[in-house]
Amino acid sequence: MNRAVLLPIANFFGVVLYVFAASRGGWAIPAERAAGVYATTAEPMIWAFNIFPIVAFFLVINLGWAVRIAKDRDWSAGRLWLLSAVFWFVAVGIDFAHH
């Protein structure tokens, strides 16, 4: 399988992993919000510890991929890179909608 096709698939799985990890530590519990409880003692820290390794890993992979696209002028792979960026923007939107 071509690397340009494999990387968006890997990014999709990374996005799913990101949303799962973010949901474990930082999302507001609807029942608590409805009761007026807004506890933020360690939620941001737990959220950051959960997602940091995933985001850092895929940031390095995607930056390397972008450099390779620019160096080789492979613009068809650039479209797939942009698709991967859309995956990440949607995931961040989903995550931030639940805070």
PDB file of N, CA and C in Angstrom:
ATOM      1  N   MET A   1       0.848  -1.180   0.000  1.00  0.00           N
ATOM      2  CA  MET A   1       0.000   0.000   0.000  1.00  0.00           C
ATOM      3  C   MET A   1       0.891   1.240   0.000  1.00  0.00           C
ATOM      4  N   ASN A   2       0.483   2.238  -0.715  1.00  0.00           N
ATOM      5  CA  ASN A   2       1.228   3.481  -0.841  1.00  0.00           C
ATOM      6  C   ASN A   2       1.260   4.237   0.495  1.00  0.00           C
ATOM      7  N   ARG A   3       2.409   4.839   0.800  1.00  0.00           N
ATOM      8  CA  ARG A   3       2.562   5.572   2.058  1.00  0.00           C
ATOM      9  C   ARG A   3       1.591   6.746   2.138  1.00  0.00           C
ATOM     10  N   ALA A   4       1.330   7.385   0.994  1.00  0.00           N
ATOM     11  CA  ALA A   4       0.424   8.533   0.990  1.00  0.00           C
ATOM     12  C   ALA A   4      -0.999   8.126   1.358  1.00  0.00           C
ATOM     13  N   VAL A   5      -1.362   6.878   1.125  1.00  0.00           N
ATOM     14  CA  VAL A   5      -2.687   6.388   1.503  1.00  0.00           C
ATOM     15  C   VAL A   5      -2.672   5.864   2.939  1.00  0.00           C
ATOM     16  N   LEU A   6      -1.552   5.324   3.347  1.00  0.00           N
ATOM     17  CA  LEU A   6      -1.441   4.743   4.680  1.00  0.00           C
ATOM     18  C   LEU A   6      -1.465   5.812   5.782  1.00  0.00           C
ATOM     19  N   LEU A   7      -0.870   6.965   5.528  1.00  0.00           N
ATOM     20  CA  LEU A   7      -0.807   8.004   6.558  1.00  0.00           C
ATOM     21  C   LEU A   7      -2.173   8.594   6.916  1.00  0.00           C
ATOM     22  N   PRO A   8      -3.074   8.872   5.953  1.00  0.00           N
ATOM     23  CA  PRO A   8      -4.410   9.323   6.381  1.00  0.00           C
ATOM     24  C   PRO A   8      -5.163   8.268   7.184  1.00  0.00           C
ATOM     25  N   ILE A   9      -4.955   6.991   6.839  1.00  0.00           N
ATOM     26  CA  ILE A   9      -5.600   5.926   7.611  1.00  0.00           C
ATOM     27  C   ILE A   9      -5.043   5.912   9.039  1.00  0.00           C
ATOM     28  N   ALA A  10      -3.724   6.047   9.169  1.00  0.00           N
ATOM     29  CA  ALA A  10      -3.113   6.106  10.501  1.00  0.00           C
ATOM     30  C   ALA A  10      -3.610   7.334  11.260  1.00  0.00           C
ATOM     31  N   ASN A  11      -3.752   8.465  10.580  1.00  0.00           N
ATOM     32  CA  ASN A  11      -4.268   9.678  11.223  1.00  0.00           C
ATOM     33  C   ASN A  11      -5.704   9.482  11.683  1.00  0.00           C
ATOM     34  N   PHE A  12      -6.503   8.782  10.898  1.00  0.00           N
ATOM     35  CA  PHE A  12      -7.881   8.523  11.308  1.00  0.00           C
ATOM     36  C   PHE A  12      -7.908   7.724  12.611  1.00  0.00           C
ATOM     37  N   PHE A  13      -7.066   6.681  12.693  1.00  0.00           N
ATOM     38  CA  PHE A  13      -7.002   5.906  13.927  1.00  0.00           C
ATOM     39  C   PHE A  13      -6.447   6.760  15.074  1.00  0.00           C
ATOM     40  N   GLY A  14      -5.524   7.654  14.781  1.00  0.00           N
ATOM     41  CA  GLY A  14      -5.017   8.573  15.794  1.00  0.00           C
ATOM     42  C   GLY A  14      -6.091   9.511  16.306  1.00  0.00           C
ATOM     43  N   VAL A  15      -6.946   9.964  15.406  1.00  0.00           N
ATOM     44  CA  VAL A  15      -8.050  10.851  15.790  1.00  0.00           C
ATOM     45  C   VAL A  15      -9.030  10.113  16.693  1.00  0.00           C
ATOM     46  N   VAL A  16      -9.333   8.880  16.342  1.00  0.00           N
ATOM     47  CA  VAL A  16     -10.240   8.079  17.182  1.00  0.00           C
ATOM     48  C   VAL A  16      -9.617   7.876  18.567  1.00  0.00           C
ATOM     49  N   LEU A  17      -8.337   7.576  18.595  1.00  0.00           N
ATOM     50  CA  LEU A  17      -7.632   7.412  19.862  1.00  0.00           C
ATOM     51  C   LEU A  17      -7.628   8.718  20.662  1.00  0.00           C
ATOM     52  N   TYR A  18      -7.419   9.846  19.987  1.00  0.00           N
ATOM     53  CA  TYR A  18      -7.430  11.159  20.632  1.00  0.00           C
ATOM     54  C   TYR A  18      -8.787  11.428  21.286  1.00  0.00           C
ATOM     55  N   VAL A  19      -9.866  11.219  20.550  1.00  0.00           N
ATOM     56  CA  VAL A  19     -11.200  11.495  21.096  1.00  0.00           C
ATOM     57  C   VAL A  19     -11.484  10.566  22.276  1.00  0.00           C
ATOM     58  N   PHE A  20     -11.076   9.305  22.162  1.00  0.00           N
ATOM     59  CA  PHE A  20     -11.270   8.376  23.277  1.00  0.00           C
ATOM     60  C   PHE A  20     -10.480   8.831  24.508  1.00  0.00           C
ATOM     61  N   ALA A  21      -9.205   9.193  24.311  1.00  0.00           N
ATOM     62  CA  ALA A  21      -8.367   9.612  25.438  1.00  0.00           C
ATOM     63  C   ALA A  21      -8.876  10.916  26.040  1.00  0.00           C
ATOM     64  N   ALA A  22      -9.316  11.833  25.206  1.00  0.00           N
ATOM     65  CA  ALA A  22      -9.825  13.109  25.716  1.00  0.00           C
ATOM     66  C   ALA A  22     -11.111  12.914  26.499  1.00  0.00           C
ATOM     67  N   SER A  23     -11.925  11.962  26.080  1.00  0.00           N
ATOM     68  CA  SER A  23     -13.198  11.738  26.768  1.00  0.00           C
ATOM     69  C   SER A  23     -13.009  11.103  28.132  1.00  0.00           C
ATOM     70  N   ARG A  24     -11.887  10.454  28.357  1.00  0.00           N
ATOM     71  CA  ARG A  24     -11.659   9.769  29.633  1.00  0.00           C
ATOM     72  C   ARG A  24     -11.333  10.721  30.774  1.00  0.00           C
ATOM     73  N   GLY A  25     -10.796  11.915  30.485  1.00  0.00           N
ATOM     74  CA  GLY A  25     -10.336  12.718  31.595  1.00  0.00           C
ATOM     75  C   GLY A  25     -10.799  14.147  31.637  1.00  0.00           C
ATOM     76  N   GLY A  26     -11.383  14.651  30.589  1.00  0.00           N
ATOM     77  CA  GLY A  26     -11.648  16.068  30.622  1.00  0.00           C
ATOM     78  C   GLY A  26     -13.029  16.513  30.234  1.00  0.00           C
ATOM     79  N   TRP A  27     -13.882  15.586  29.848  1.00  0.00           N
ATOM     80  CA  TRP A  27     -15.210  15.993  29.428  1.00  0.00           C
ATOM     81  C   TRP A  27     -16.126  16.154  30.626  1.00  0.00           C
ATOM     82  N   ALA A  28     -16.980  17.136  30.538  1.00  0.00           N
ATOM     83  CA  ALA A  28     -17.931  17.383  31.616  1.00  0.00           C
ATOM     84  C   ALA A  28     -18.975  16.277  31.665  1.00  0.00           C
ATOM     85  N   ILE A  29     -19.333  15.871  32.863  1.00  0.00           N
ATOM     86  CA  ILE A  29     -20.372  14.859  33.045  1.00  0.00           C
ATOM     87  C   ILE A  29     -21.717  15.585  32.992  1.00  0.00           C
ATOM     88  N   PRO A  30     -22.593  15.215  32.040  1.00  0.00           N
ATOM     89  CA  PRO A  30     -23.853  15.957  31.866  1.00  0.00           C
ATOM     90  C   PRO A  30     -24.700  16.047  33.125  1.00  0.00           C
ATOM     91  N   ALA A  31     -24.736  14.987  33.936  1.00  0.00           N
ATOM     92  CA  ALA A  31     -25.543  15.016  35.159  1.00  0.00           C
ATOM     93  C   ALA A  31     -24.992  16.041  36.151  1.00  0.00           C
ATOM     94  N   GLU A  32     -23.669  16.157  36.222  1.00  0.00           N
ATOM     95  CA  GLU A  32     -23.082  17.153  37.126  1.00  0.00           C
ATOM     96  C   GLU A  32     -23.346  18.567  36.625  1.00  0.00           C
ATOM     97  N   ARG A  33     -23.219  18.790  35.326  1.00  0.00           N
ATOM     98  CA  ARG A  33     -23.495  20.125  34.773  1.00  0.00           C
ATOM     99  C   ARG A  33     -24.947  20.523  35.001  1.00  0.00           C
ATOM    100  N   ALA A  34     -25.862  19.563  34.842  1.00  0.00           N
ATOM    101  CA  ALA A  34     -27.283  19.850  35.055  1.00  0.00           C
ATOM    102  C   ALA A  34     -27.567  20.185  36.508  1.00  0.00           C
ATOM    103  N   ALA A  35     -26.795  19.592  37.428  1.00  0.00           N
ATOM    104  CA  ALA A  35     -26.974  19.868  38.859  1.00  0.00           C
ATOM    105  C   ALA A  35     -26.245  21.137  39.291  1.00  0.00           C
ATOM    106  N   GLY A  36     -25.493  21.748  38.373  1.00  0.00           N
ATOM    107  CA  GLY A  36     -24.792  22.981  38.707  1.00  0.00           C
ATOM    108  C   GLY A  36     -23.401  22.777  39.263  1.00  0.00           C
ATOM    109  N   VAL A  37     -22.869  21.567  39.145  1.00  0.00           N
ATOM    110  CA  VAL A  37     -21.527  21.277  39.649  1.00  0.00           C
ATOM    111  C   VAL A  37     -20.528  21.552  38.532  1.00  0.00           C
ATOM    112  N   TYR A  38     -19.588  22.452  38.797  1.00  0.00           N
ATOM    113  CA  TYR A  38     -18.557  22.790  37.809  1.00  0.00           C
ATOM    114  C   TYR A  38     -17.180  22.564  38.436  1.00  0.00           C
ATOM    115  N   ALA A  39     -16.840  21.303  38.641  1.00  0.00           N
ATOM    116  CA  ALA A  39     -15.566  20.956  39.252  1.00  0.00           C
ATOM    117  C   ALA A  39     -14.462  20.993  38.193  1.00  0.00           C
ATOM    118  N   THR A  40     -13.413  21.764  38.480  1.00  0.00           N
ATOM    119  CA  THR A  40     -12.287  21.840  37.541  1.00  0.00           C
ATOM    120  C   THR A  40     -10.970  21.668  38.284  1.00  0.00           C
ATOM    121  N   THR A  41     -10.976  20.879  39.327  1.00  0.00           N
ATOM    122  CA  THR A  41      -9.787  20.736  40.151  1.00  0.00           C
ATOM    123  C   THR A  41      -8.594  20.245  39.355  1.00  0.00           C
ATOM    124  N   ALA A  42      -8.699  19.078  38.763  1.00  0.00           N
ATOM    125  CA  ALA A  42      -7.571  18.525  38.018  1.00  0.00           C
ATOM    126  C   ALA A  42      -7.955  18.124  36.606  1.00  0.00           C
ATOM    127  N   GLU A  43      -9.165  18.448  36.184  1.00  0.00           N
ATOM    128  CA  GLU A  43      -9.620  18.023  34.865  1.00  0.00           C
ATOM    129  C   GLU A  43      -8.714  18.493  33.731  1.00  0.00           C
ATOM    130  N   PRO A  44      -8.277  19.743  33.700  1.00  0.00           N
ATOM    131  CA  PRO A  44      -7.400  20.156  32.595  1.00  0.00           C
ATOM    132  C   PRO A  44      -6.073  19.405  32.579  1.00  0.00           C
ATOM    133  N   MET A  45      -5.541  19.119  33.744  1.00  0.00           N
ATOM    134  CA  MET A  45      -4.280  18.397  33.833  1.00  0.00           C
ATOM    135  C   MET A  45      -4.439  16.954  33.354  1.00  0.00           C
ATOM    136  N   ILE A  46      -5.498  16.308  33.794  1.00  0.00           N
ATOM    137  CA  ILE A  46      -5.761  14.931  33.379  1.00  0.00           C
ATOM    138  C   ILE A  46      -5.989  14.884  31.874  1.00  0.00           C
ATOM    139  N   TRP A  47      -6.759  15.838  31.344  1.00  0.00           N
ATOM    140  CA  TRP A  47      -7.013  15.919  29.910  1.00  0.00           C
ATOM    141  C   TRP A  47      -5.692  16.054  29.146  1.00  0.00           C
ATOM    142  N   ALA A  48      -4.822  16.949  29.591  1.00  0.00           N
ATOM    143  CA  ALA A  48      -3.548  17.177  28.903  1.00  0.00           C
ATOM    144  C   ALA A  48      -2.645  15.952  28.970  1.00  0.00           C
ATOM    145  N   PHE A  49      -2.590  15.300  30.121  1.00  0.00           N
ATOM    146  CA  PHE A  49      -1.763  14.097  30.251  1.00  0.00           C
ATOM    147  C   PHE A  49      -2.281  12.970  29.363  1.00  0.00           C
ATOM    148  N   ASN A  50      -3.592  12.901  29.175  1.00  0.00           N
ATOM    149  CA  ASN A  50      -4.168  11.858  28.337  1.00  0.00           C
ATOM    150  C   ASN A  50      -3.874  12.068  26.859  1.00  0.00           C
ATOM    151  N   ILE A  51      -3.939  13.306  26.396  1.00  0.00           N
ATOM    152  CA  ILE A  51      -3.831  13.528  24.952  1.00  0.00           C
ATOM    153  C   ILE A  51      -2.433  13.897  24.483  1.00  0.00           C
ATOM    154  N   PHE A  52      -1.556  14.354  25.370  1.00  0.00           N
ATOM    155  CA  PHE A  52      -0.254  14.849  24.934  1.00  0.00           C
ATOM    156  C   PHE A  52       0.559  13.841  24.121  1.00  0.00           C
ATOM    157  N   PRO A  53       0.702  12.590  24.562  1.00  0.00           N
ATOM    158  CA  PRO A  53       1.515  11.660  23.758  1.00  0.00           C
ATOM    159  C   PRO A  53       0.943  11.416  22.365  1.00  0.00           C
ATOM    160  N   ILE A  54      -0.365  11.367  22.261  1.00  0.00           N
ATOM    161  CA  ILE A  54      -1.000  11.128  20.962  1.00  0.00           C
ATOM    162  C   ILE A  54      -0.777  12.311  20.037  1.00  0.00           C
ATOM    163  N   VAL A  55      -1.034  13.507  20.545  1.00  0.00           N
ATOM    164  CA  VAL A  55      -0.878  14.713  19.733  1.00  0.00           C
ATOM    165  C   VAL A  55       0.585  14.918  19.346  1.00  0.00           C
ATOM    166  N   ALA A  56       1.501  14.705  20.267  1.00  0.00           N
ATOM    167  CA  ALA A  56       2.923  14.889  19.969  1.00  0.00           C
ATOM    168  C   ALA A  56       3.392  13.905  18.898  1.00  0.00           C
ATOM    169  N   PHE A  57       3.002  12.650  19.014  1.00  0.00           N
ATOM    170  CA  PHE A  57       3.403  11.635  18.044  1.00  0.00           C
ATOM    171  C   PHE A  57       2.905  11.994  16.646  1.00  0.00           C
ATOM    172  N   PHE A  58       1.623  12.316  16.522  1.00  0.00           N
ATOM    173  CA  PHE A  58       1.078  12.604  15.202  1.00  0.00           C
ATOM    174  C   PHE A  58       1.522  13.959  14.678  1.00  0.00           C
ATOM    175  N   LEU A  59       1.858  14.889  15.553  1.00  0.00           N
ATOM    176  CA  LEU A  59       2.409  16.166  15.097  1.00  0.00           C
ATOM    177  C   LEU A  59       3.758  15.950  14.409  1.00  0.00           C
ATOM    178  N   VAL A  60       4.595  15.138  15.018  1.00  0.00           N
ATOM    179  CA  VAL A  60       5.904  14.846  14.417  1.00  0.00           C
ATOM    180  C   VAL A  60       5.729  14.112  13.087  1.00  0.00           C
ATOM    181  N   ILE A  61       4.863  13.125  13.051  1.00  0.00           N
ATOM    182  CA  ILE A  61       4.620  12.362  11.820  1.00  0.00           C
ATOM    183  C   ILE A  61       4.094  13.286  10.720  1.00  0.00           C
ATOM    184  N   ASN A  62       3.112  14.111  11.043  1.00  0.00           N
ATOM    185  CA  ASN A  62       2.493  14.961  10.026  1.00  0.00           C
ATOM    186  C   ASN A  62       3.406  16.094   9.574  1.00  0.00           C
ATOM    187  N   LEU A  63       4.231  16.628  10.464  1.00  0.00           N
ATOM    188  CA  LEU A  63       5.191  17.643  10.039  1.00  0.00           C
ATOM    189  C   LEU A  63       6.241  17.046   9.104  1.00  0.00           C
ATOM    190  N   GLY A  64       6.705  15.842   9.416  1.00  0.00           N
ATOM    191  CA  GLY A  64       7.633  15.161   8.518  1.00  0.00           C
ATOM    192  C   GLY A  64       7.007  14.872   7.172  1.00  0.00           C
ATOM    193  N   TRP A  65       5.756  14.493   7.194  1.00  0.00           N
ATOM    194  CA  TRP A  65       5.026  14.227   5.951  1.00  0.00           C
ATOM    195  C   TRP A  65       4.885  15.508   5.135  1.00  0.00           C
ATOM    196  N   ALA A  66       4.599  16.627   5.794  1.00  0.00           N
ATOM    197  CA  ALA A  66       4.466  17.909   5.095  1.00  0.00           C
ATOM    198  C   ALA A  66       5.796  18.338   4.469  1.00  0.00           C
ATOM    199  N   VAL A  67       6.893  18.130   5.184  1.00  0.00           N
ATOM    200  CA  VAL A  67       8.209  18.473   4.638  1.00  0.00           C
ATOM    201  C   VAL A  67       8.497  17.626   3.406  1.00  0.00           C
ATOM    202  N   ARG A  68       8.177  16.356   3.478  1.00  0.00           N
ATOM    203  CA  ARG A  68       8.405  15.473   2.326  1.00  0.00           C
ATOM    204  C   ARG A  68       7.545  15.879   1.132  1.00  0.00           C
ATOM    205  N   ILE A  69       6.304  16.260   1.375  1.00  0.00           N
ATOM    206  CA  ILE A  69       5.420  16.710   0.292  1.00  0.00           C
ATOM    207  C   ILE A  69       5.991  17.955  -0.369  1.00  0.00           C
ATOM    208  N   ALA A  70       6.435  18.910   0.453  1.00  0.00           N
ATOM    209  CA  ALA A  70       6.989  20.149  -0.095  1.00  0.00           C
ATOM    210  C   ALA A  70       8.306  19.896  -0.835  1.00  0.00           C
ATOM    211  N   LYS A  71       9.131  19.034  -0.295  1.00  0.00           N
ATOM    212  CA  LYS A  71      10.421  18.741  -0.909  1.00  0.00           C
ATOM    213  C   LYS A  71      10.256  18.024  -2.253  1.00  0.00           C
ATOM    214  N   ASP A  72       9.363  17.031  -2.291  1.00  0.00           N
ATOM    215  CA  ASP A  72       9.148  16.253  -3.514  1.00  0.00           C
ATOM    216  C   ASP A  72       8.130  16.890  -4.460  1.00  0.00           C
ATOM    217  N   ARG A  73       7.448  17.928  -3.993  1.00  0.00           N
ATOM    218  CA  ARG A  73       6.381  18.599  -4.757  1.00  0.00           C
ATOM    219  C   ARG A  73       5.325  17.603  -5.219  1.00  0.00           C
ATOM    220  N   ASP A  74       4.946  16.743  -4.298  1.00  0.00           N
ATOM    221  CA  ASP A  74       3.929  15.725  -4.557  1.00  0.00           C
ATOM    222  C   ASP A  74       2.582  16.258  -4.071  1.00  0.00           C
ATOM    223  N   TRP A  75       1.923  17.042  -4.902  1.00  0.00           N
ATOM    224  CA  TRP A  75       0.720  17.751  -4.467  1.00  0.00           C
ATOM    225  C   TRP A  75      -0.478  16.820  -4.309  1.00  0.00           C
ATOM    226  N   SER A  76      -0.481  15.662  -4.952  1.00  0.00           N
ATOM    227  CA  SER A  76      -1.589  14.722  -4.726  1.00  0.00           C
ATOM    228  C   SER A  76      -1.525  14.180  -3.289  1.00  0.00           C
ATOM    229  N   ALA A  77      -0.315  13.954  -2.790  1.00  0.00           N
ATOM    230  CA  ALA A  77      -0.175  13.561  -1.381  1.00  0.00           C
ATOM    231  C   ALA A  77      -0.540  14.730  -0.468  1.00  0.00           C
ATOM    232  N   GLY A  78      -0.357  15.944  -0.950  1.00  0.00           N
ATOM    233  CA  GLY A  78      -0.737  17.125  -0.172  1.00  0.00           C
ATOM    234  C   GLY A  78      -2.229  17.181   0.081  1.00  0.00           C
ATOM    235  N   ARG A  79      -3.014  16.714  -0.888  1.00  0.00           N
ATOM    236  CA  ARG A  79      -4.464  16.673  -0.677  1.00  0.00           C
ATOM    237  C   ARG A  79      -4.821  15.676   0.431  1.00  0.00           C
ATOM    238  N   LEU A  80      -4.121  14.563   0.460  1.00  0.00           N
ATOM    239  CA  LEU A  80      -4.365  13.587   1.531  1.00  0.00           C
ATOM    240  C   LEU A  80      -3.905  14.130   2.883  1.00  0.00           C
ATOM    241  N   TRP A  81      -2.823  14.919   2.872  1.00  0.00           N
ATOM    242  CA  TRP A  81      -2.364  15.555   4.106  1.00  0.00           C
ATOM    243  C   TRP A  81      -3.428  16.534   4.615  1.00  0.00           C
ATOM    244  N   LEU A  82      -4.025  17.284   3.699  1.00  0.00           N
ATOM    245  CA  LEU A  82      -5.094  18.208   4.093  1.00  0.00           C
ATOM    246  C   LEU A  82      -6.312  17.456   4.621  1.00  0.00           C
ATOM    247  N   LEU A  83      -6.595  16.296   4.045  1.00  0.00           N
ATOM    248  CA  LEU A  83      -7.688  15.470   4.557  1.00  0.00           C
ATOM    249  C   LEU A  83      -7.401  15.047   5.996  1.00  0.00           C
ATOM    250  N   SER A  84      -6.160  14.697   6.258  1.00  0.00           N
ATOM    251  CA  SER A  84      -5.774  14.334   7.623  1.00  0.00           C
ATOM    252  C   SER A  84      -5.924  15.524   8.569  1.00  0.00           C
ATOM    253  N   ALA A  85      -5.591  16.716   8.078  1.00  0.00           N
ATOM    254  CA  ALA A  85      -5.766  17.921   8.900  1.00  0.00           C
ATOM    255  C   ALA A  85      -7.243  18.135   9.225  1.00  0.00           C
ATOM    256  N   VAL A  86      -8.114  17.867   8.262  1.00  0.00           N
ATOM    257  CA  VAL A  86      -9.553  17.984   8.509  1.00  0.00           C
ATOM    258  C   VAL A  86      -9.985  16.990   9.583  1.00  0.00           C
ATOM    259  N   PHE A  87      -9.454  15.767   9.535  1.00  0.00           N
ATOM    260  CA  PHE A  87      -9.745  14.784  10.596  1.00  0.00           C
ATOM    261  C   PHE A  87      -9.421  15.370  11.967  1.00  0.00           C
ATOM    262  N   TRP A  88      -8.242  15.972  12.092  1.00  0.00           N
ATOM    263  CA  TRP A  88      -7.798  16.498  13.392  1.00  0.00           C
ATOM    264  C   TRP A  88      -8.628  17.694  13.824  1.00  0.00           C
ATOM    265  N   PHE A  89      -8.997  18.575  12.889  1.00  0.00           N
ATOM    266  CA  PHE A  89      -9.833  19.723  13.260  1.00  0.00           C
ATOM    267  C   PHE A  89     -11.212  19.272  13.735  1.00  0.00           C
ATOM    268  N   VAL A  90     -11.777  18.265  13.096  1.00  0.00           N
ATOM    269  CA  VAL A  90     -13.072  17.736  13.540  1.00  0.00           C
ATOM    270  C   VAL A  90     -12.938  17.120  14.934  1.00  0.00           C
ATOM    271  N   ALA A  91     -11.858  16.378  15.169  1.00  0.00           N
ATOM    272  CA  ALA A  91     -11.650  15.755  16.483  1.00  0.00           C
ATOM    273  C   ALA A  91     -11.507  16.808  17.575  1.00  0.00           C
ATOM    274  N   VAL A  92     -10.756  17.856  17.307  1.00  0.00           N
ATOM    275  CA  VAL A  92     -10.590  18.931  18.301  1.00  0.00           C
ATOM    276  C   VAL A  92     -11.926  19.629  18.529  1.00  0.00           C
ATOM    277  N   GLY A  93     -12.698  19.806  17.472  1.00  0.00           N
ATOM    278  CA  GLY A  93     -14.031  20.406  17.623  1.00  0.00           C
ATOM    279  C   GLY A  93     -14.941  19.553  18.489  1.00  0.00           C
ATOM    280  N   ILE A  94     -14.908  18.248  18.271  1.00  0.00           N
ATOM    281  CA  ILE A  94     -15.705  17.335  19.099  1.00  0.00           C
ATOM    282  C   ILE A  94     -15.243  17.409  20.553  1.00  0.00           C
ATOM    283  N   ASP A  95     -13.938  17.414  20.750  1.00  0.00           N
ATOM    284  CA  ASP A  95     -13.399  17.464  22.101  1.00  0.00           C
ATOM    285  C   ASP A  95     -13.786  18.757  22.807  1.00  0.00           C
ATOM    286  N   PHE A  96     -13.589  19.871  22.158  1.00  0.00           N
ATOM    287  CA  PHE A  96     -13.875  21.147  22.813  1.00  0.00           C
ATOM    288  C   PHE A  96     -15.363  21.387  23.002  1.00  0.00           C
ATOM    289  N   ALA A  97     -16.206  20.731  22.230  1.00  0.00           N
ATOM    290  CA  ALA A  97     -17.649  20.855  22.415  1.00  0.00           C
ATOM    291  C   ALA A  97     -18.114  20.187  23.698  1.00  0.00           C
ATOM    292  N   HIS A  98     -17.296  19.293  24.246  1.00  0.00           N
ATOM    293  CA  HIS A  98     -17.684  18.559  25.449  1.00  0.00           C
ATOM    294  C   HIS A  98     -17.044  19.103  26.732  1.00  0.00           C
ATOM    295  N   HIS A  99     -16.346  20.185  26.651  1.00  0.00           N
ATOM    296  CA  HIS A  99     -15.717  20.750  27.860  1.00  0.00           C
ATOM    297  C   HIS A  99     -16.704  21.643  28.575  1.00  0.00           C
TER     298      HIS A  99
END
